[in-house]
Amino acid sequence: MKTNMKTKKLIVLLMVAAFTLGVAGLSFSAEEIKGVVSKIEGDKLTILDDKDREKTVMVKDKESLKEIKVADRVLVKDGKVTKEGA
C-alpha cells in the first residue's frame, strides 16, 4: 500500500512540475528579443542577442519570415518579427 501512495504522490508532483514549466514557457514567449538572425528553420528563428546568447523563438506570422534572412537585425515580440531599420 505504501508503494501505491508514493506512486500517487510522484504523479501529482510531476503534474505540478509540468504545469509550472508550461506556464513559465508562456510568459517567456511574450518577452521582447532583439538581435541578429543566425538560423531560420520553418517558423523558428534563432537569434543572437546583444549579450551573445542564442535564443530560438517561434514566429506566429509566417508571412513576415519571407522578408527575413540570416544576418538581419530583428525584433521579436509576442511571436511577431520585424526587421530593425526597415
N, C-alpha and C. Protein backbone atom coordinates (compact mmCIF):
# COMPACT_ATOMS: atom_id res chain seq x y z
N MET A 1 0.81 -1.20 0.00
CA MET A 1 0.00 0.00 0.00
C MET A 1 0.85 1.26 0.00
N LYS A 2 2.00 1.25 0.69
CA LYS A 2 2.85 2.43 0.73
C LYS A 2 3.40 2.76 -0.65
N THR A 3 3.69 1.76 -1.44
CA THR A 3 4.19 1.98 -2.79
C THR A 3 3.15 2.70 -3.64
N ASN A 4 1.89 2.31 -3.48
CA ASN A 4 0.81 2.95 -4.22
C ASN A 4 0.70 4.43 -3.86
N MET A 5 0.84 4.77 -2.58
CA MET A 5 0.77 6.17 -2.14
C MET A 5 1.97 6.96 -2.68
N LYS A 6 3.13 6.34 -2.66
CA LYS A 6 4.33 7.01 -3.18
C LYS A 6 4.18 7.27 -4.68
N THR A 7 3.61 6.32 -5.39
CA THR A 7 3.39 6.48 -6.82
C THR A 7 2.42 7.62 -7.09
N LYS A 8 1.36 7.70 -6.33
CA LYS A 8 0.39 8.79 -6.50
C LYS A 8 1.02 10.14 -6.20
N LYS A 9 1.82 10.21 -5.14
CA LYS A 9 2.49 11.47 -4.80
C LYS A 9 3.46 11.88 -5.90
N LEU A 10 4.17 10.91 -6.45
CA LEU A 10 5.11 11.20 -7.53
C LEU A 10 4.39 11.71 -8.77
N ILE A 11 3.27 11.10 -9.10
CA ILE A 11 2.48 11.53 -10.26
C ILE A 11 1.97 12.96 -10.06
N VAL A 12 1.48 13.26 -8.87
CA VAL A 12 0.99 14.62 -8.57
C VAL A 12 2.14 15.61 -8.68
N LEU A 13 3.29 15.26 -8.12
CA LEU A 13 4.46 16.14 -8.19
C LEU A 13 4.88 16.41 -9.63
N LEU A 14 4.90 15.37 -10.44
CA LEU A 14 5.27 15.53 -11.86
C LEU A 14 4.26 16.41 -12.60
N MET A 15 2.98 16.24 -12.28
CA MET A 15 1.95 17.06 -12.94
C MET A 15 2.10 18.53 -12.55
N VAL A 16 2.37 18.80 -11.28
CA VAL A 16 2.58 20.18 -10.83
C VAL A 16 3.80 20.77 -11.51
N ALA A 17 4.88 20.00 -11.61
CA ALA A 17 6.09 20.49 -12.27
C ALA A 17 5.83 20.79 -13.74
N ALA A 18 5.11 19.92 -14.42
CA ALA A 18 4.81 20.13 -15.84
C ALA A 18 3.96 21.37 -16.03
N PHE A 19 2.98 21.57 -15.18
CA PHE A 19 2.12 22.76 -15.27
C PHE A 19 2.94 24.02 -15.04
N THR A 20 3.78 23.99 -14.02
CA THR A 20 4.60 25.17 -13.69
C THR A 20 5.53 25.53 -14.85
N LEU A 21 6.18 24.54 -15.43
CA LEU A 21 7.07 24.81 -16.56
C LEU A 21 6.30 25.30 -17.77
N GLY A 22 5.10 24.79 -17.98
CA GLY A 22 4.26 25.23 -19.09
C GLY A 22 3.88 26.69 -18.96
N VAL A 23 3.50 27.09 -17.76
CA VAL A 23 3.14 28.49 -17.51
C VAL A 23 4.36 29.38 -17.66
N ALA A 24 5.50 28.93 -17.17
CA ALA A 24 6.73 29.72 -17.31
C ALA A 24 7.09 29.89 -18.78
N GLY A 25 6.90 28.86 -19.59
CA GLY A 25 7.19 28.94 -21.02
C GLY A 25 6.30 29.95 -21.71
N LEU A 26 5.04 30.04 -21.32
CA LEU A 26 4.14 31.02 -21.91
C LEU A 26 4.58 32.43 -21.58
N SER A 27 5.05 32.66 -20.38
CA SER A 27 5.45 34.01 -20.01
C SER A 27 6.70 34.44 -20.78
N PHE A 28 7.61 33.50 -21.06
CA PHE A 28 8.81 33.85 -21.80
C PHE A 28 8.50 34.16 -23.26
N SER A 29 7.44 33.58 -23.82
CA SER A 29 7.13 33.82 -25.22
C SER A 29 6.67 35.26 -25.45
N ALA A 30 6.28 35.96 -24.37
CA ALA A 30 5.82 37.33 -24.51
C ALA A 30 6.97 38.33 -24.41
N GLU A 31 8.17 37.86 -24.12
CA GLU A 31 9.28 38.78 -23.97
C GLU A 31 9.74 39.35 -25.31
N GLU A 32 10.43 40.43 -25.23
CA GLU A 32 10.96 41.10 -26.43
C GLU A 32 12.40 40.66 -26.63
N ILE A 33 12.71 40.22 -27.84
CA ILE A 33 14.07 39.77 -28.15
C ILE A 33 14.58 40.57 -29.35
N LYS A 34 15.74 41.17 -29.17
CA LYS A 34 16.40 41.89 -30.25
C LYS A 34 17.72 41.21 -30.53
N GLY A 35 18.08 41.16 -31.79
CA GLY A 35 19.36 40.58 -32.13
C GLY A 35 19.50 40.29 -33.61
N VAL A 36 20.51 39.50 -33.92
CA VAL A 36 20.83 39.16 -35.31
C VAL A 36 20.42 37.71 -35.56
N VAL A 37 19.72 37.49 -36.67
CA VAL A 37 19.26 36.15 -37.03
C VAL A 37 20.47 35.29 -37.40
N SER A 38 20.60 34.14 -36.72
CA SER A 38 21.70 33.24 -37.04
C SER A 38 21.22 31.97 -37.75
N LYS A 39 19.90 31.67 -37.64
CA LYS A 39 19.37 30.48 -38.31
C LYS A 39 17.86 30.63 -38.47
N ILE A 40 17.35 30.11 -39.59
CA ILE A 40 15.91 30.09 -39.84
C ILE A 40 15.53 28.65 -40.19
N GLU A 41 14.61 28.09 -39.42
CA GLU A 41 14.13 26.72 -39.67
C GLU A 41 12.62 26.72 -39.59
N GLY A 42 11.95 26.70 -40.72
CA GLY A 42 10.49 26.72 -40.72
C GLY A 42 9.96 28.00 -40.11
N ASP A 43 9.20 27.87 -39.02
CA ASP A 43 8.66 29.06 -38.35
C ASP A 43 9.47 29.42 -37.10
N LYS A 44 10.71 28.92 -37.02
CA LYS A 44 11.57 29.20 -35.87
C LYS A 44 12.77 30.03 -36.30
N LEU A 45 13.06 31.05 -35.51
CA LEU A 45 14.24 31.88 -35.72
C LEU A 45 15.20 31.66 -34.56
N THR A 46 16.46 31.53 -34.86
CA THR A 46 17.48 31.53 -33.83
C THR A 46 18.16 32.88 -33.91
N ILE A 47 18.17 33.57 -32.77
CA ILE A 47 18.66 34.95 -32.72
C ILE A 47 19.81 35.04 -31.74
N LEU A 48 20.87 35.72 -32.14
CA LEU A 48 21.99 36.01 -31.27
C LEU A 48 21.78 37.41 -30.73
N ASP A 49 21.52 37.51 -29.40
CA ASP A 49 21.20 38.82 -28.84
C ASP A 49 22.48 39.62 -28.59
N ASP A 50 22.31 40.81 -28.04
CA ASP A 50 23.45 41.71 -27.84
C ASP A 50 24.45 41.22 -26.80
N LYS A 51 24.05 40.23 -26.00
CA LYS A 51 24.95 39.65 -25.00
C LYS A 51 25.51 38.31 -25.47
N ASP A 52 25.45 38.07 -26.79
CA ASP A 52 25.96 36.84 -27.42
C ASP A 52 25.29 35.57 -26.90
N ARG A 53 24.01 35.66 -26.56
CA ARG A 53 23.23 34.49 -26.17
C ARG A 53 22.30 34.13 -27.31
N GLU A 54 22.25 32.83 -27.62
CA GLU A 54 21.34 32.36 -28.67
C GLU A 54 19.98 32.07 -28.08
N LYS A 55 18.95 32.54 -28.76
CA LYS A 55 17.58 32.25 -28.35
C LYS A 55 16.81 31.81 -29.58
N THR A 56 16.01 30.76 -29.43
CA THR A 56 15.19 30.28 -30.53
C THR A 56 13.74 30.60 -30.20
N VAL A 57 13.05 31.25 -31.14
CA VAL A 57 11.66 31.64 -30.92
C VAL A 57 10.81 31.18 -32.10
N MET A 58 9.54 30.90 -31.81
CA MET A 58 8.58 30.57 -32.87
C MET A 58 7.91 31.86 -33.31
N VAL A 59 7.76 32.02 -34.60
CA VAL A 59 7.13 33.20 -35.16
C VAL A 59 5.70 32.85 -35.55
N LYS A 60 4.75 33.66 -35.10
CA LYS A 60 3.34 33.40 -35.39
C LYS A 60 2.98 33.74 -36.83
N ASP A 61 3.49 34.86 -37.31
CA ASP A 61 3.17 35.34 -38.65
C ASP A 61 4.23 34.83 -39.63
N LYS A 62 3.95 33.71 -40.25
CA LYS A 62 4.92 33.09 -41.16
C LYS A 62 5.18 33.94 -42.40
N GLU A 63 4.22 34.76 -42.79
CA GLU A 63 4.41 35.64 -43.96
C GLU A 63 5.56 36.62 -43.74
N SER A 64 5.71 37.08 -42.50
CA SER A 64 6.77 38.06 -42.20
C SER A 64 8.15 37.44 -42.34
N LEU A 65 8.25 36.12 -42.28
CA LEU A 65 9.55 35.45 -42.41
C LEU A 65 10.09 35.53 -43.84
N LYS A 66 9.22 35.78 -44.82
CA LYS A 66 9.68 35.86 -46.21
C LYS A 66 10.66 37.00 -46.41
N GLU A 67 10.55 38.05 -45.58
CA GLU A 67 11.42 39.21 -45.71
C GLU A 67 12.68 39.11 -44.85
N ILE A 68 12.76 38.08 -44.01
CA ILE A 68 13.87 37.94 -43.08
C ILE A 68 14.88 36.94 -43.61
N LYS A 69 16.17 37.27 -43.44
CA LYS A 69 17.23 36.35 -43.84
C LYS A 69 18.31 36.34 -42.75
N VAL A 70 19.18 35.35 -42.79
CA VAL A 70 20.28 35.25 -41.83
C VAL A 70 21.11 36.53 -41.90
N ALA A 71 21.52 37.01 -40.75
CA ALA A 71 22.33 38.23 -40.56
C ALA A 71 21.49 39.50 -40.46
N ASP A 72 20.16 39.40 -40.63
CA ASP A 72 19.30 40.56 -40.43
C ASP A 72 19.16 40.85 -38.94
N ARG A 73 19.10 42.12 -38.60
CA ARG A 73 18.83 42.54 -37.22
C ARG A 73 17.32 42.63 -37.08
N VAL A 74 16.76 41.93 -36.07
CA VAL A 74 15.32 41.85 -35.91
C VAL A 74 14.89 42.11 -34.47
N LEU A 75 13.58 42.35 -34.34
CA LEU A 75 12.91 42.45 -33.05
C LEU A 75 11.77 41.45 -33.07
N VAL A 76 11.71 40.59 -32.05
CA VAL A 76 10.61 39.64 -31.94
C VAL A 76 9.87 39.95 -30.65
N LYS A 77 8.57 40.19 -30.78
CA LYS A 77 7.73 40.49 -29.61
C LYS A 77 6.38 39.84 -29.83
N ASP A 78 5.95 39.07 -28.84
CA ASP A 78 4.67 38.37 -28.91
C ASP A 78 4.55 37.48 -30.15
N GLY A 79 5.66 36.89 -30.58
CA GLY A 79 5.64 35.99 -31.72
C GLY A 79 5.64 36.69 -33.07
N LYS A 80 5.77 38.01 -33.07
CA LYS A 80 5.81 38.77 -34.32
C LYS A 80 7.22 39.30 -34.54
N VAL A 81 7.72 39.12 -35.74
CA VAL A 81 9.07 39.53 -36.06
C VAL A 81 9.03 40.76 -36.98
N THR A 82 9.89 41.73 -36.65
CA THR A 82 10.05 42.90 -37.53
C THR A 82 11.53 43.14 -37.73
N LYS A 83 11.85 43.53 -38.94
CA LYS A 83 13.24 43.82 -39.31
C LYS A 83 13.57 45.22 -38.78
N GLU A 84 14.63 45.32 -38.01
CA GLU A 84 15.01 46.62 -37.47
C GLU A 84 15.66 47.47 -38.55
N GLY A 85 15.35 48.74 -38.52
CA GLY A 85 15.89 49.66 -39.50
C GLY A 85 15.07 49.73 -40.78
N ALA A 86 13.96 48.98 -40.81
CA ALA A 86 13.12 48.98 -42.02
C ALA A 86 12.02 50.00 -41.89
